[in-house]
Structure formats: C-alpha cells, structure tokens
Amino acid sequence: MDRIYNQMLGFLNNNQIYLNESMSKHTLFKIGGPADIFVKPKNINELKAIVEIAKKNEIPMTVIGNGSNLLVKDRWN
C-alpha cells in the first residue's frame, strides 16, 4: 500500500489518504474494522484519478458516500 499511497500523494494531500483507517470513524453506527487505504477526494477529478489507480493496480474499491446505511465488518475471517 505504500506504493499506492505515494502515487496518490502526487495529486492529494496527506490528510486525504489514510492507511489502516478504522471504518468505525466513518459509519453512522460507529462499527467497522480497518480499511487498507481510505481516501477522501475533494472533487470529481481526484475521484477519477483514484479510480484509475485502483483499476491499474487491481485494487478492489468501494465508494461509501457519507457512511449512513453502511455496515462494515470489524474483522475479516
């Protein structure tokens, strides 16, 4: 993930990219384990660039919006 993080630093600020971020901080019900990488784009161009990097590196991606109506597992088995 460090390589991906560094690629994203080319167009995002470091306060927009989080490694091993607890999803409980971003869901209405305050539950959820860590995401490998959590990104907060500020505009559509940043989102497009993030999607391009994810596709290029075959990284699964989920867009969560504001985190309501979302349940995230605390851990993966």
Protein backbone atom coordinates (compact mmCIF):
# COMPACT_ATOMS: atom_id res chain seq x y z
CA MET A 1 0.00 0.00 0.00
CA ASP A 2 2.95 2.36 0.44
CA ARG A 3 3.45 2.48 -3.34
CA ILE A 4 -0.22 3.33 -3.88
CA TYR A 5 -0.08 5.93 -1.09
CA ASN A 6 2.90 7.60 -2.78
CA GLN A 7 1.15 7.60 -6.17
CA MET A 8 -1.85 9.33 -4.65
CA LEU A 9 0.34 11.91 -2.94
CA GLY A 10 1.04 13.18 -6.43
CA PHE A 11 -2.43 14.75 -6.55
CA LEU A 12 -3.87 14.51 -3.00
CA ASN A 13 -2.82 15.99 0.33
CA ASN A 14 -1.61 13.58 3.02
CA ASN A 15 -4.71 14.48 5.09
CA GLN A 16 -6.88 12.89 2.38
CA ILE A 17 -5.20 9.45 2.43
CA TYR A 18 -5.27 7.10 5.44
CA LEU A 19 -3.64 3.67 5.77
CA ASN A 20 -5.30 1.05 8.02
CA GLU A 21 -8.07 3.52 8.83
CA SER A 22 -10.77 2.29 11.21
CA MET A 23 -14.06 2.37 9.34
CA SER A 24 -15.85 2.93 12.65
CA LYS A 25 -14.79 6.58 12.29
CA HIS A 26 -16.74 6.86 9.04
CA THR A 27 -20.01 4.99 9.60
CA LEU A 28 -23.23 6.11 11.24
CA PHE A 29 -23.29 3.08 13.56
CA LYS A 30 -19.61 3.52 14.54
CA ILE A 31 -18.66 -0.05 13.63
CA GLY A 32 -16.12 -1.46 11.23
CA GLY A 33 -12.55 -2.65 11.13
CA PRO A 34 -9.64 -1.14 9.26
CA ALA A 35 -9.60 -0.34 5.55
CA ASP A 36 -6.22 -0.95 3.92
CA ILE A 37 -6.44 2.50 2.41
CA PHE A 38 -9.15 5.13 2.90
CA VAL A 39 -9.23 8.14 0.58
CA LYS A 40 -11.30 11.33 0.79
CA PRO A 41 -11.35 13.03 -2.62
CA LYS A 42 -12.48 16.66 -2.72
CA ASN A 43 -13.69 16.74 -6.32
CA ILE A 44 -14.58 14.60 -9.32
CA ASN A 45 -11.10 14.87 -10.85
CA GLU A 46 -9.50 13.44 -7.70
CA LEU A 47 -12.08 10.65 -7.66
CA LYS A 48 -11.35 9.80 -11.30
CA ALA A 49 -7.61 9.63 -10.60
CA ILE A 50 -8.19 7.38 -7.55
CA VAL A 51 -10.38 5.03 -9.61
CA GLU A 52 -7.72 4.91 -12.32
CA ILE A 53 -5.00 3.96 -9.82
CA ALA A 54 -7.24 1.32 -8.21
CA LYS A 55 -8.06 -0.26 -11.59
CA LYS A 56 -4.44 -0.13 -12.79
CA ASN A 57 -3.28 -1.90 -9.61
CA GLU A 58 -6.28 -4.28 -9.42
CA ILE A 59 -7.32 -2.93 -6.02
CA PRO A 60 -10.95 -3.56 -5.02
CA MET A 61 -12.71 -0.31 -4.24
CA THR A 62 -15.95 0.71 -2.58
CA VAL A 63 -17.44 4.21 -2.64
CA ILE A 64 -19.23 4.78 0.66
CA GLY A 65 -20.68 8.28 0.46
CA ASN A 66 -21.39 9.72 3.90
CA GLY A 67 -21.34 6.36 5.74
CA SER A 68 -25.03 6.10 6.58
CA ASN A 69 -26.82 2.83 5.83
CA LEU A 70 -23.46 1.09 5.85
CA LEU A 71 -22.30 -1.89 7.90
CA VAL A 72 -18.62 -2.83 7.83
CA LYS A 73 -17.16 -5.98 9.41
CA ASP A 74 -14.92 -5.45 12.42
CA ARG A 75 -12.56 -8.14 11.13
CA TRP A 76 -12.19 -10.49 8.18
CA ASN A 77 -12.12 -14.26 8.63
